[in-house]
Amino acid sequence: MEKPNIVEIKAIARTIEGGDVAELRSNDLIPAVVYGPKLEKNIHVSVPRLAIEKVLSVKNLQFIKLEVEDGKTIDVFLKNTQFHPINDQILHVDFLALDPKTPVTVTIPIRLKGTSPGVIEGGRLYQSLRKIMVQALPKDLPAELTLDISKLKIGHNLKIRSLKLGGIQPLMSPERTILVIRPPKGGKAKLEEFTEEEEAEAAAAAEATSEEKA
């Protein structure tokens, strides 16, 4: 399983009372707060705008090693980002401090692997879900969820309940459809779910794909 990439960012301490947010932003710095279940109190810092833009430009889940003062780092991930409603400028970010024993809720992208026999036969792949919200311990979280679609024929659809994710708990309806192989235009093939055997094969394929990256 491909683990999330770790990005190092050096933060600058700031005070709420005396901090000039406008001046920070004019210096390409973004006000930020670090919070989490194991922190005694929130930590207020500023971080380079460019560093945050680089994190946001990557779809896969990333963890951040945030240096909050000389020599002291905190493992975090980017929890929330506030944008300007007109020009999309980043106004503020929230970091959640990670604790190895505390599950976190994150959204990870879904990537498809392989070629569907149904598509080869003229079917149309429609992916209705490209991200999935999950909860897991930090050590169990992948950078992305890779699904092997090489078993899918025309009429098949894959739902969240088909996935076997180990210690990862999906936080979306198990009946939510991830993708479907629709008949060719004008075709009359009936849309159907996997049989129990086919569903098990698809789930095993997804699980095997994760193991290959371990």
N, C-alpha and C. Protein backbone atom coordinates (compact mmCIF):
# COMPACT_ATOMS: atom_id res chain seq x y z
N MET A 1 0.85 -1.20 0.00
CA MET A 1 0.00 0.00 0.00
C MET A 1 0.87 1.24 0.00
N GLU A 2 0.59 2.15 -0.90
CA GLU A 2 1.35 3.38 -0.98
C GLU A 2 0.95 4.31 0.15
N LYS A 3 1.89 4.61 1.02
CA LYS A 3 1.60 5.48 2.16
C LYS A 3 1.60 6.95 1.74
N PRO A 4 0.92 7.79 2.50
CA PRO A 4 0.92 9.22 2.18
C PRO A 4 2.33 9.80 2.21
N ASN A 5 2.60 10.68 1.27
CA ASN A 5 3.88 11.37 1.24
C ASN A 5 3.97 12.32 2.44
N ILE A 6 5.18 12.52 2.95
CA ILE A 6 5.38 13.42 4.09
C ILE A 6 6.09 14.68 3.61
N VAL A 7 5.44 15.81 3.82
CA VAL A 7 5.97 17.10 3.39
C VAL A 7 6.45 17.87 4.62
N GLU A 8 7.61 18.47 4.52
CA GLU A 8 8.15 19.26 5.63
C GLU A 8 7.87 20.75 5.40
N ILE A 9 7.26 21.39 6.39
CA ILE A 9 6.97 22.82 6.31
C ILE A 9 7.43 23.49 7.60
N LYS A 10 8.12 24.60 7.45
CA LYS A 10 8.57 25.36 8.61
C LYS A 10 7.60 26.50 8.87
N ALA A 11 7.04 26.52 10.06
CA ALA A 11 6.06 27.55 10.43
C ALA A 11 6.73 28.66 11.24
N ILE A 12 6.02 29.77 11.33
CA ILE A 12 6.50 30.91 12.11
C ILE A 12 5.46 31.20 13.20
N ALA A 13 5.90 31.27 14.44
CA ALA A 13 4.97 31.54 15.55
C ALA A 13 4.34 32.91 15.39
N ARG A 14 3.09 33.03 15.84
CA ARG A 14 2.42 34.33 15.80
C ARG A 14 1.49 34.45 17.01
N THR A 15 1.13 35.67 17.34
CA THR A 15 0.17 35.92 18.42
C THR A 15 -1.12 36.44 17.83
N ILE A 16 -2.24 36.03 18.41
CA ILE A 16 -3.54 36.46 17.89
C ILE A 16 -3.75 37.96 18.11
N GLU A 17 -3.39 38.42 19.32
CA GLU A 17 -3.70 39.80 19.68
C GLU A 17 -2.94 40.79 18.82
N GLY A 18 -1.64 40.54 18.64
CA GLY A 18 -0.83 41.54 17.97
C GLY A 18 -0.57 41.23 16.52
N GLY A 19 -1.09 40.12 16.03
CA GLY A 19 -0.78 39.72 14.66
C GLY A 19 -1.52 40.56 13.64
N ASP A 20 -0.81 41.02 12.64
CA ASP A 20 -1.40 41.77 11.54
C ASP A 20 -1.58 40.80 10.39
N VAL A 21 -2.83 40.28 10.23
CA VAL A 21 -3.09 39.27 9.21
C VAL A 21 -2.81 39.80 7.81
N ALA A 22 -3.19 41.05 7.55
CA ALA A 22 -2.96 41.64 6.23
C ALA A 22 -1.48 41.70 5.91
N GLU A 23 -0.67 42.03 6.90
CA GLU A 23 0.78 42.10 6.68
C GLU A 23 1.35 40.72 6.41
N LEU A 24 0.85 39.72 7.14
CA LEU A 24 1.29 38.35 6.88
C LEU A 24 1.05 37.96 5.43
N ARG A 25 -0.16 38.21 4.97
CA ARG A 25 -0.52 37.81 3.61
C ARG A 25 0.27 38.58 2.57
N SER A 26 0.59 39.83 2.86
CA SER A 26 1.40 40.62 1.92
C SER A 26 2.81 40.07 1.82
N ASN A 27 3.24 39.32 2.83
CA ASN A 27 4.57 38.68 2.83
C ASN A 27 4.49 37.21 2.40
N ASP A 28 3.39 36.86 1.73
CA ASP A 28 3.20 35.49 1.24
C ASP A 28 3.16 34.47 2.37
N LEU A 29 2.62 34.89 3.51
CA LEU A 29 2.42 33.97 4.63
C LEU A 29 0.92 33.83 4.91
N ILE A 30 0.54 32.66 5.36
CA ILE A 30 -0.87 32.38 5.63
C ILE A 30 -1.05 32.09 7.10
N PRO A 31 -1.97 32.76 7.78
CA PRO A 31 -2.24 32.43 9.19
C PRO A 31 -2.81 31.02 9.30
N ALA A 32 -2.41 30.32 10.35
CA ALA A 32 -2.84 28.93 10.53
C ALA A 32 -2.96 28.60 12.00
N VAL A 33 -3.71 27.56 12.29
CA VAL A 33 -3.85 27.07 13.65
C VAL A 33 -3.65 25.56 13.64
N VAL A 34 -2.98 25.05 14.66
CA VAL A 34 -2.77 23.62 14.83
C VAL A 34 -3.56 23.17 16.05
N TYR A 35 -4.39 22.15 15.89
CA TYR A 35 -5.16 21.65 17.03
C TYR A 35 -5.22 20.14 16.96
N GLY A 36 -5.58 19.52 18.05
CA GLY A 36 -5.66 18.06 18.07
C GLY A 36 -5.94 17.55 19.47
N PRO A 37 -6.34 16.29 19.61
CA PRO A 37 -6.74 15.73 20.90
C PRO A 37 -5.60 15.64 21.92
N LYS A 38 -4.37 15.61 21.46
CA LYS A 38 -3.24 15.44 22.37
C LYS A 38 -2.50 16.76 22.65
N LEU A 39 -2.96 17.84 22.06
CA LEU A 39 -2.32 19.13 22.31
C LEU A 39 -2.97 19.81 23.51
N GLU A 40 -2.17 20.41 24.36
CA GLU A 40 -2.70 21.11 25.53
C GLU A 40 -3.50 22.34 25.12
N LYS A 41 -3.07 22.99 24.08
CA LYS A 41 -3.79 24.16 23.58
C LYS A 41 -3.48 24.33 22.10
N ASN A 42 -4.31 25.10 21.42
CA ASN A 42 -4.07 25.36 20.01
C ASN A 42 -2.78 26.14 19.81
N ILE A 43 -2.14 25.89 18.70
CA ILE A 43 -0.89 26.58 18.36
C ILE A 43 -1.15 27.46 17.14
N HIS A 44 -0.89 28.75 17.28
CA HIS A 44 -1.13 29.69 16.18
C HIS A 44 0.19 30.02 15.50
N VAL A 45 0.22 29.80 14.19
CA VAL A 45 1.44 30.01 13.41
C VAL A 45 1.07 30.65 12.07
N SER A 46 2.08 30.95 11.29
CA SER A 46 1.89 31.32 9.89
C SER A 46 2.79 30.41 9.06
N VAL A 47 2.37 30.11 7.83
CA VAL A 47 3.10 29.19 6.97
C VAL A 47 3.24 29.79 5.58
N PRO A 48 4.28 29.43 4.84
CA PRO A 48 4.47 29.98 3.49
C PRO A 48 3.31 29.62 2.55
N ARG A 49 2.83 30.59 1.85
CA ARG A 49 1.72 30.36 0.92
C ARG A 49 2.09 29.31 -0.13
N LEU A 50 3.30 29.41 -0.67
CA LEU A 50 3.73 28.48 -1.72
C LEU A 50 3.71 27.04 -1.24
N ALA A 51 4.11 26.81 0.01
CA ALA A 51 4.12 25.45 0.55
C ALA A 51 2.72 24.87 0.62
N ILE A 52 1.75 25.70 1.02
CA ILE A 52 0.36 25.23 1.09
C ILE A 52 -0.20 24.99 -0.30
N GLU A 53 0.13 25.85 -1.25
CA GLU A 53 -0.34 25.65 -2.62
C GLU A 53 0.18 24.34 -3.20
N LYS A 54 1.41 23.98 -2.85
CA LYS A 54 1.97 22.72 -3.34
C LYS A 54 1.22 21.53 -2.75
N VAL A 55 0.87 21.63 -1.47
CA VAL A 55 0.10 20.55 -0.83
C VAL A 55 -1.26 20.41 -1.49
N LEU A 56 -1.91 21.54 -1.75
CA LEU A 56 -3.24 21.51 -2.33
C LEU A 56 -3.24 21.05 -3.78
N SER A 57 -2.11 21.16 -4.45
CA SER A 57 -2.03 20.78 -5.87
C SER A 57 -1.97 19.27 -6.05
N VAL A 58 -1.74 18.53 -4.96
CA VAL A 58 -1.63 17.07 -5.03
C VAL A 58 -2.94 16.45 -4.56
N LYS A 59 -3.50 15.55 -5.38
CA LYS A 59 -4.78 14.93 -5.04
C LYS A 59 -4.64 13.91 -3.92
N ASN A 60 -3.53 13.18 -3.90
CA ASN A 60 -3.36 12.12 -2.90
C ASN A 60 -3.25 12.70 -1.49
N LEU A 61 -3.62 11.87 -0.52
CA LEU A 61 -3.49 12.26 0.88
C LEU A 61 -2.02 12.47 1.22
N GLN A 62 -1.72 13.55 1.92
CA GLN A 62 -0.36 13.84 2.36
C GLN A 62 -0.35 14.16 3.85
N PHE A 63 0.73 13.78 4.50
CA PHE A 63 0.96 14.19 5.87
C PHE A 63 2.04 15.27 5.87
N ILE A 64 2.03 16.09 6.91
CA ILE A 64 2.98 17.20 6.99
C ILE A 64 3.74 17.13 8.30
N LYS A 65 5.05 17.27 8.21
CA LYS A 65 5.87 17.43 9.41
C LYS A 65 6.08 18.93 9.58
N LEU A 66 5.34 19.50 10.52
CA LEU A 66 5.32 20.94 10.69
C LEU A 66 6.26 21.36 11.81
N GLU A 67 7.25 22.17 11.47
CA GLU A 67 8.17 22.70 12.49
C GLU A 67 7.54 23.97 13.07
N VAL A 68 7.13 23.89 14.34
CA VAL A 68 6.43 25.01 14.96
C VAL A 68 7.37 25.91 15.76
N GLU A 69 8.52 25.39 16.13
CA GLU A 69 9.55 26.20 16.77
C GLU A 69 10.87 25.48 16.59
N ASP A 70 11.97 26.10 17.03
CA ASP A 70 13.30 25.53 16.78
C ASP A 70 13.39 24.08 17.23
N GLY A 71 13.52 23.19 16.25
CA GLY A 71 13.74 21.78 16.57
C GLY A 71 12.50 20.99 16.92
N LYS A 72 11.38 21.64 17.17
CA LYS A 72 10.16 20.93 17.55
C LYS A 72 9.24 20.79 16.34
N THR A 73 8.85 19.55 16.04
CA THR A 73 7.95 19.30 14.92
C THR A 73 6.70 18.57 15.40
N ILE A 74 5.64 18.74 14.66
CA ILE A 74 4.37 18.06 14.93
C ILE A 74 3.89 17.44 13.63
N ASP A 75 3.50 16.17 13.68
CA ASP A 75 2.93 15.51 12.51
C ASP A 75 1.48 15.92 12.37
N VAL A 76 1.11 16.48 11.21
CA VAL A 76 -0.23 17.01 11.01
C VAL A 76 -0.71 16.66 9.60
N PHE A 77 -1.97 16.94 9.35
CA PHE A 77 -2.42 16.99 7.96
C PHE A 77 -3.33 18.19 7.80
N LEU A 78 -3.48 18.64 6.58
CA LEU A 78 -4.24 19.85 6.28
C LEU A 78 -5.73 19.51 6.38
N LYS A 79 -6.37 20.00 7.42
CA LYS A 79 -7.76 19.65 7.69
C LYS A 79 -8.74 20.56 6.95
N ASN A 80 -8.51 21.86 7.03
CA ASN A 80 -9.43 22.82 6.39
C ASN A 80 -8.65 23.96 5.76
N THR A 81 -9.18 24.46 4.66
CA THR A 81 -8.59 25.62 3.99
C THR A 81 -9.69 26.63 3.69
N GLN A 82 -9.47 27.87 4.10
CA GLN A 82 -10.44 28.93 3.85
C GLN A 82 -9.96 29.78 2.68
N PHE A 83 -10.82 29.96 1.67
CA PHE A 83 -10.47 30.74 0.49
C PHE A 83 -11.28 32.03 0.43
N HIS A 84 -10.70 33.02 -0.24
CA HIS A 84 -11.43 34.26 -0.49
C HIS A 84 -12.56 33.95 -1.47
N PRO A 85 -13.76 34.44 -1.23
CA PRO A 85 -14.91 34.09 -2.07
C PRO A 85 -14.83 34.61 -3.50
N ILE A 86 -13.98 35.60 -3.76
CA ILE A 86 -13.92 36.19 -5.10
C ILE A 86 -12.67 35.77 -5.86
N ASN A 87 -11.50 35.92 -5.24
CA ASN A 87 -10.26 35.65 -5.98
C ASN A 87 -9.60 34.32 -5.62
N ASP A 88 -10.26 33.52 -4.74
CA ASP A 88 -9.75 32.19 -4.36
C ASP A 88 -8.39 32.24 -3.65
N GLN A 89 -8.00 33.40 -3.15
CA GLN A 89 -6.77 33.49 -2.38
C GLN A 89 -6.94 32.71 -1.07
N ILE A 90 -5.89 32.00 -0.67
CA ILE A 90 -5.94 31.26 0.58
C ILE A 90 -5.88 32.24 1.74
N LEU A 91 -6.88 32.17 2.62
CA LEU A 91 -6.96 33.11 3.74
C LEU A 91 -6.48 32.51 5.05
N HIS A 92 -6.74 31.23 5.25
CA HIS A 92 -6.42 30.60 6.54
C HIS A 92 -6.43 29.08 6.36
N VAL A 93 -5.61 28.39 7.14
CA VAL A 93 -5.61 26.93 7.10
C VAL A 93 -5.63 26.37 8.53
N ASP A 94 -6.23 25.19 8.65
CA ASP A 94 -6.27 24.46 9.92
C ASP A 94 -5.48 23.17 9.75
N PHE A 95 -4.60 22.89 10.70
CA PHE A 95 -3.86 21.63 10.73
C PHE A 95 -4.35 20.79 11.89
N LEU A 96 -4.59 19.51 11.64
CA LEU A 96 -4.95 18.59 12.71
C LEU A 96 -3.72 17.78 13.10
N ALA A 97 -3.34 17.87 14.38
CA ALA A 97 -2.19 17.11 14.87
C ALA A 97 -2.54 15.63 14.95
N LEU A 98 -1.68 14.79 14.42
CA LEU A 98 -1.92 13.35 14.37
C LEU A 98 -1.44 12.67 15.64
N ASP A 99 -2.24 11.72 16.10
CA ASP A 99 -1.85 10.87 17.22
C ASP A 99 -1.93 9.42 16.74
N PRO A 100 -0.85 8.64 16.93
CA PRO A 100 -0.84 7.27 16.40
C PRO A 100 -2.01 6.41 16.85
N LYS A 101 -2.57 6.70 18.03
CA LYS A 101 -3.63 5.86 18.58
C LYS A 101 -5.03 6.44 18.40
N THR A 102 -5.12 7.58 17.72
CA THR A 102 -6.42 8.23 17.53
C THR A 102 -6.83 8.19 16.06
N PRO A 103 -7.96 7.56 15.72
CA PRO A 103 -8.42 7.54 14.33
C PRO A 103 -8.71 8.95 13.83
N VAL A 104 -8.47 9.17 12.56
CA VAL A 104 -8.77 10.46 11.94
C VAL A 104 -9.71 10.26 10.76
N THR A 105 -10.45 11.28 10.44
CA THR A 105 -11.37 11.26 9.31
C THR A 105 -10.77 12.06 8.16
N VAL A 106 -10.61 11.41 7.02
CA VAL A 106 -10.00 12.07 5.86
C VAL A 106 -10.76 11.66 4.61
N THR A 107 -10.52 12.39 3.54
CA THR A 107 -11.04 12.05 2.23
C THR A 107 -9.88 11.66 1.33
N ILE A 108 -9.96 10.48 0.73
CA ILE A 108 -8.87 10.01 -0.13
C ILE A 108 -9.41 9.77 -1.54
N PRO A 109 -8.58 10.01 -2.55
CA PRO A 109 -9.04 9.84 -3.93
C PRO A 109 -9.11 8.36 -4.32
N ILE A 110 -9.95 8.07 -5.29
CA ILE A 110 -10.08 6.72 -5.84
C ILE A 110 -9.43 6.69 -7.22
N ARG A 111 -8.52 5.74 -7.42
CA ARG A 111 -7.88 5.58 -8.73
C ARG A 111 -8.21 4.21 -9.28
N LEU A 112 -8.53 4.15 -10.56
CA LEU A 112 -8.88 2.89 -11.20
C LEU A 112 -7.67 2.30 -11.89
N LYS A 113 -7.55 0.97 -11.80
CA LYS A 113 -6.43 0.27 -12.41
C LYS A 113 -6.97 -0.86 -13.28
N GLY A 114 -6.32 -1.08 -14.41
CA GLY A 114 -6.72 -2.17 -15.28
C GLY A 114 -7.72 -1.72 -16.33
N THR A 115 -8.12 -2.66 -17.16
CA THR A 115 -9.07 -2.40 -18.23
C THR A 115 -10.28 -3.30 -18.07
N SER A 116 -11.45 -2.72 -18.10
CA SER A 116 -12.68 -3.48 -17.95
C SER A 116 -13.02 -4.22 -19.25
N PRO A 117 -13.31 -5.54 -19.17
CA PRO A 117 -13.75 -6.27 -20.36
C PRO A 117 -15.00 -5.66 -20.96
N GLY A 118 -15.86 -5.11 -20.09
CA GLY A 118 -17.07 -4.47 -20.58
C GLY A 118 -16.79 -3.27 -21.45
N VAL A 119 -15.75 -2.50 -21.09
CA VAL A 119 -15.37 -1.34 -21.89
C VAL A 119 -14.80 -1.79 -23.23
N ILE A 120 -13.99 -2.86 -23.22
CA ILE A 120 -13.42 -3.40 -24.45
C ILE A 120 -14.54 -3.82 -25.41
N GLU A 121 -15.64 -4.32 -24.84
CA GLU A 121 -16.78 -4.78 -25.65
C GLU A 121 -17.68 -3.63 -26.10
N GLY A 122 -17.32 -2.40 -25.73
CA GLY A 122 -18.11 -1.25 -26.17
C GLY A 122 -18.89 -0.56 -25.07
N GLY A 123 -18.81 -1.08 -23.86
CA GLY A 123 -19.51 -0.45 -22.75
C GLY A 123 -18.89 0.88 -22.36
N ARG A 124 -19.61 1.65 -21.56
CA ARG A 124 -19.15 2.97 -21.14
C ARG A 124 -18.96 2.99 -19.63
N LEU A 125 -17.76 3.32 -19.20
CA LEU A 125 -17.46 3.38 -17.77
C LEU A 125 -17.91 4.74 -17.24
N TYR A 126 -18.75 4.73 -16.21
CA TYR A 126 -19.19 5.96 -15.56
C TYR A 126 -18.80 5.89 -14.09
N GLN A 127 -17.87 6.76 -13.69
CA GLN A 127 -17.40 6.78 -12.30
C GLN A 127 -18.10 7.92 -11.57
N SER A 128 -19.02 7.58 -10.69
CA SER A 128 -19.80 8.58 -9.98
C SER A 128 -19.15 9.03 -8.68
N LEU A 129 -18.16 8.28 -8.21
CA LEU A 129 -17.49 8.63 -6.95
C LEU A 129 -15.99 8.60 -7.16
N ARG A 130 -15.35 9.74 -7.00
CA ARG A 130 -13.91 9.86 -7.23
C ARG A 130 -13.12 10.05 -5.94
N LYS A 131 -13.84 10.29 -4.84
CA LYS A 131 -13.21 10.40 -3.53
C LYS A 131 -14.09 9.68 -2.53
N ILE A 132 -13.48 9.21 -1.45
CA ILE A 132 -14.24 8.52 -0.43
C ILE A 132 -13.80 9.00 0.95
N MET A 133 -14.76 9.28 1.80
CA MET A 133 -14.46 9.71 3.17
C MET A 133 -14.32 8.47 4.05
N VAL A 134 -13.21 8.39 4.78
CA VAL A 134 -12.95 7.22 5.60
C VAL A 134 -12.43 7.65 6.97
N GLN A 135 -12.40 6.68 7.88
CA GLN A 135 -11.81 6.90 9.21
C GLN A 135 -10.87 5.75 9.50
N ALA A 136 -9.68 6.08 9.99
CA ALA A 136 -8.69 5.05 10.30
C ALA A 136 -7.56 5.64 11.13
N LEU A 137 -6.76 4.78 11.71
CA LEU A 137 -5.54 5.23 12.37
C LEU A 137 -4.58 5.76 11.30
N PRO A 138 -3.76 6.74 11.63
CA PRO A 138 -2.84 7.31 10.63
C PRO A 138 -2.00 6.25 9.91
N LYS A 139 -1.57 5.23 10.63
CA LYS A 139 -0.70 4.21 10.02
C LYS A 139 -1.41 3.36 8.97
N ASP A 140 -2.73 3.33 9.02
CA ASP A 140 -3.51 2.50 8.10
C ASP A 140 -3.99 3.25 6.87
N LEU A 141 -3.79 4.55 6.83
CA LEU A 141 -4.32 5.34 5.73
C LEU A 141 -3.43 5.27 4.50
N PRO A 142 -4.00 5.00 3.33
CA PRO A 142 -3.23 5.01 2.09
C PRO A 142 -3.24 6.40 1.46
N ALA A 143 -2.31 6.63 0.53
CA ALA A 143 -2.30 7.89 -0.19
C ALA A 143 -3.51 7.99 -1.12
N GLU A 144 -3.94 6.83 -1.64
CA GLU A 144 -5.10 6.77 -2.51
C GLU A 144 -5.67 5.36 -2.44
N LEU A 145 -6.91 5.21 -2.86
CA LEU A 145 -7.53 3.90 -2.92
C LEU A 145 -7.52 3.44 -4.38
N THR A 146 -6.81 2.35 -4.66
CA THR A 146 -6.68 1.85 -6.02
C THR A 146 -7.58 0.65 -6.22
N LEU A 147 -8.47 0.74 -7.21
CA LEU A 147 -9.42 -0.33 -7.49
C LEU A 147 -9.12 -0.95 -8.86
N ASP A 148 -8.99 -2.26 -8.88
CA ASP A 148 -8.76 -3.00 -10.13
C ASP A 148 -10.11 -3.27 -10.77
N ILE A 149 -10.31 -2.78 -11.99
CA ILE A 149 -11.60 -2.94 -12.66
C ILE A 149 -11.57 -4.02 -13.75
N SER A 150 -10.54 -4.87 -13.72
CA SER A 150 -10.37 -5.85 -14.80
C SER A 150 -11.39 -6.98 -14.77
N LYS A 151 -12.28 -7.01 -13.76
CA LYS A 151 -13.32 -8.04 -13.69
C LYS A 151 -14.69 -7.52 -14.11
N LEU A 152 -14.79 -6.24 -14.38
CA LEU A 152 -16.10 -5.63 -14.61
C LEU A 152 -16.57 -5.79 -16.05
N LYS A 153 -17.78 -6.33 -16.20
CA LYS A 153 -18.39 -6.52 -17.50
C LYS A 153 -19.52 -5.51 -17.69
N ILE A 154 -20.08 -5.48 -18.88
CA ILE A 154 -21.19 -4.58 -19.15
C ILE A 154 -22.35 -4.89 -18.20
N GLY A 155 -22.87 -3.86 -17.58
CA GLY A 155 -23.97 -4.02 -16.64
C GLY A 155 -23.55 -4.10 -15.20
N HIS A 156 -22.26 -4.33 -14.94
CA HIS A 156 -21.80 -4.41 -13.56
C HIS A 156 -21.68 -3.04 -12.94
N ASN A 157 -21.93 -2.96 -11.64
CA ASN A 157 -21.61 -1.75 -10.90
C ASN A 157 -20.92 -2.14 -9.60
N LEU A 158 -20.09 -1.26 -9.12
CA LEU A 158 -19.30 -1.50 -7.92
C LEU A 158 -19.72 -0.51 -6.84
N LYS A 159 -20.08 -1.03 -5.66
CA LYS A 159 -20.52 -0.18 -4.56
C LYS A 159 -19.52 -0.22 -3.41
N ILE A 160 -19.67 0.72 -2.50
CA ILE A 160 -18.75 0.81 -1.37
C ILE A 160 -18.75 -0.47 -0.56
N ARG A 161 -19.89 -1.11 -0.42
CA ARG A 161 -19.97 -2.34 0.38
C ARG A 161 -19.16 -3.49 -0.20
N SER A 162 -18.75 -3.37 -1.47
CA SER A 162 -17.96 -4.42 -2.09
C SER A 162 -16.49 -4.39 -1.66
N LEU A 163 -16.06 -3.28 -1.07
CA LEU A 163 -14.65 -3.10 -0.76
C LEU A 163 -14.27 -3.73 0.57
N LYS A 164 -13.11 -4.33 0.59
CA LYS A 164 -12.54 -4.86 1.83
C LYS A 164 -11.29 -4.03 2.13
N LEU A 165 -11.39 -3.19 3.14
CA LEU A 165 -10.35 -2.18 3.38
C LEU A 165 -9.60 -2.38 4.68
N GLY A 166 -9.71 -3.54 5.29
CA GLY A 166 -8.95 -3.79 6.51
C GLY A 166 -9.37 -2.86 7.63
N GLY A 167 -8.40 -2.11 8.16
CA GLY A 167 -8.65 -1.22 9.29
C GLY A 167 -9.25 0.11 8.90
N ILE A 168 -9.61 0.27 7.63
CA ILE A 168 -10.17 1.53 7.15
C ILE A 168 -11.69 1.43 7.12
N GLN A 169 -12.36 2.38 7.75
CA GLN A 169 -13.82 2.37 7.84
C GLN A 169 -14.42 3.44 6.93
N PRO A 170 -15.13 3.04 5.87
CA PRO A 170 -15.80 4.04 5.03
C PRO A 170 -16.88 4.77 5.83
N LEU A 171 -17.01 6.07 5.60
CA LEU A 171 -18.00 6.87 6.31
C LEU A 171 -19.12 7.32 5.37
N MET A 172 -19.29 6.59 4.29
CA MET A 172 -20.35 6.87 3.34
C MET A 172 -21.26 5.66 3.24
N SER A 173 -22.43 5.84 2.71
CA SER A 173 -23.39 4.74 2.62
C SER A 173 -22.80 3.55 1.89
N PRO A 174 -22.93 2.35 2.44
CA PRO A 174 -22.41 1.16 1.75
C PRO A 174 -23.08 0.90 0.41
N GLU A 175 -24.26 1.49 0.20
CA GLU A 175 -24.98 1.31 -1.06
C GLU A 175 -24.59 2.36 -2.11
N ARG A 176 -23.68 3.26 -1.74
CA ARG A 176 -23.24 4.30 -2.69
C ARG A 176 -22.47 3.64 -3.83
N THR A 177 -22.85 3.95 -5.06
CA THR A 177 -22.19 3.38 -6.24
C THR A 177 -20.91 4.14 -6.54
N ILE A 178 -19.82 3.39 -6.73
CA ILE A 178 -18.54 3.99 -7.10
C ILE A 178 -18.46 4.16 -8.62
N LEU A 179 -18.82 3.11 -9.33
CA LEU A 179 -18.78 3.16 -10.79
C LEU A 179 -19.72 2.13 -11.37
N VAL A 180 -20.02 2.29 -12.65
CA VAL A 180 -20.89 1.36 -13.36
C VAL A 180 -20.40 1.25 -14.80
N ILE A 181 -20.51 0.07 -15.38
CA ILE A 181 -20.19 -0.13 -16.80
C ILE A 181 -21.52 -0.15 -17.54
N ARG A 182 -21.84 0.93 -18.19
CA ARG A 182 -23.11 1.05 -18.88
C ARG A 182 -23.04 0.40 -20.27
N PRO A 183 -24.18 -0.04 -20.78
CA PRO A 183 -24.21 -0.61 -22.13
C PRO A 183 -23.81 0.44 -23.16
N PRO A 184 -23.41 0.01 -24.36
CA PRO A 184 -23.13 0.98 -25.44
C PRO A 184 -24.38 1.80 -25.73
N LYS A 185 -24.21 2.94 -26.32
CA LYS A 185 -25.36 3.78 -26.67
C LYS A 185 -26.31 2.98 -27.54
N GLY A 186 -27.56 2.96 -27.14
CA GLY A 186 -28.55 2.21 -27.87
C GLY A 186 -28.66 0.76 -27.43
N GLY A 187 -27.73 0.32 -26.55
CA GLY A 187 -27.76 -1.05 -26.07
C GLY A 187 -28.85 -1.25 -25.04
N LYS A 188 -29.26 -2.48 -24.87
CA LYS A 188 -30.35 -2.78 -23.95
C LYS A 188 -29.93 -3.71 -22.81
N ALA A 189 -28.62 -3.87 -22.62
CA ALA A 189 -28.15 -4.74 -21.54
C ALA A 189 -28.63 -4.21 -20.20
N LYS A 190 -29.04 -5.08 -19.34
CA LYS A 190 -29.57 -4.69 -18.03
C LYS A 190 -28.43 -4.38 -17.07
N LEU A 191 -28.57 -3.25 -16.36
CA LEU A 191 -27.59 -2.93 -15.33
C LEU A 191 -27.82 -3.86 -14.15
N GLU A 192 -26.75 -4.44 -13.64
CA GLU A 192 -26.90 -5.39 -12.54
C GLU A 192 -25.71 -5.30 -11.61
N GLU A 193 -25.90 -5.76 -10.40
CA GLU A 193 -24.81 -5.79 -9.44
C GLU A 193 -24.03 -7.08 -9.63
N PHE A 194 -22.86 -7.15 -9.00
CA PHE A 194 -22.09 -8.37 -9.01
C PHE A 194 -22.87 -9.51 -8.36
N THR A 195 -22.62 -10.71 -8.83
CA THR A 195 -23.03 -11.87 -8.05
C THR A 195 -22.12 -11.91 -6.83
N GLU A 196 -22.46 -12.73 -5.84
CA GLU A 196 -21.61 -12.81 -4.64
C GLU A 196 -20.19 -13.22 -5.01
N GLU A 197 -20.06 -14.14 -5.96
CA GLU A 197 -18.72 -14.60 -6.35
C GLU A 197 -17.95 -13.49 -7.05
N GLU A 198 -18.60 -12.77 -7.95
CA GLU A 198 -17.94 -11.68 -8.68
C GLU A 198 -17.59 -10.53 -7.73
N GLU A 199 -18.47 -10.26 -6.77
CA GLU A 199 -18.21 -9.20 -5.80
C GLU A 199 -16.98 -9.53 -4.97
N ALA A 200 -16.85 -10.79 -4.58
CA ALA A 200 -15.69 -11.23 -3.81
C ALA A 200 -14.41 -11.08 -4.63
N GLU A 201 -14.50 -11.41 -5.93
CA GLU A 201 -13.34 -11.29 -6.81
C GLU A 201 -12.91 -9.83 -6.95
N ALA A 202 -13.89 -8.93 -7.12
CA ALA A 202 -13.58 -7.52 -7.26
C ALA A 202 -12.95 -6.95 -5.99
N ALA A 203 -13.50 -7.34 -4.84
CA ALA A 203 -12.96 -6.88 -3.57
C ALA A 203 -11.54 -7.40 -3.37
N ALA A 204 -11.31 -8.67 -3.74
CA ALA A 204 -9.97 -9.25 -3.61
C ALA A 204 -8.99 -8.54 -4.53
N ALA A 205 -9.45 -8.17 -5.72
CA ALA A 205 -8.57 -7.46 -6.66
C ALA A 205 -8.15 -6.11 -6.09
N ALA A 206 -9.09 -5.39 -5.50
CA ALA A 206 -8.77 -4.10 -4.90
C ALA A 206 -7.79 -4.26 -3.76
N GLU A 207 -8.01 -5.30 -2.94
CA GLU A 207 -7.13 -5.55 -1.79
C GLU A 207 -5.74 -5.94 -2.27
N ALA A 208 -5.68 -6.77 -3.31
CA ALA A 208 -4.38 -7.21 -3.84
C ALA A 208 -3.59 -6.05 -4.39
N THR A 209 -4.29 -5.11 -5.02
CA THR A 209 -3.61 -3.94 -5.57
C THR A 209 -2.91 -3.15 -4.47
N SER A 210 -3.56 -3.03 -3.32
CA SER A 210 -2.94 -2.33 -2.19
C SER A 210 -1.71 -3.07 -1.70
N GLU A 211 -1.79 -4.42 -1.63
CA GLU A 211 -0.68 -5.21 -1.13
C GLU A 211 0.53 -5.12 -2.05
N GLU A 212 0.29 -4.98 -3.36
CA GLU A 212 1.39 -4.89 -4.30
C GLU A 212 2.27 -3.69 -4.02
N LYS A 213 1.69 -2.64 -3.45
CA LYS A 213 2.44 -1.40 -3.21
C LYS A 213 3.08 -1.38 -1.83
N ALA A 214 2.88 -2.43 -1.04
CA ALA A 214 3.40 -2.42 0.32
C ALA A 214 4.92 -2.38 0.33
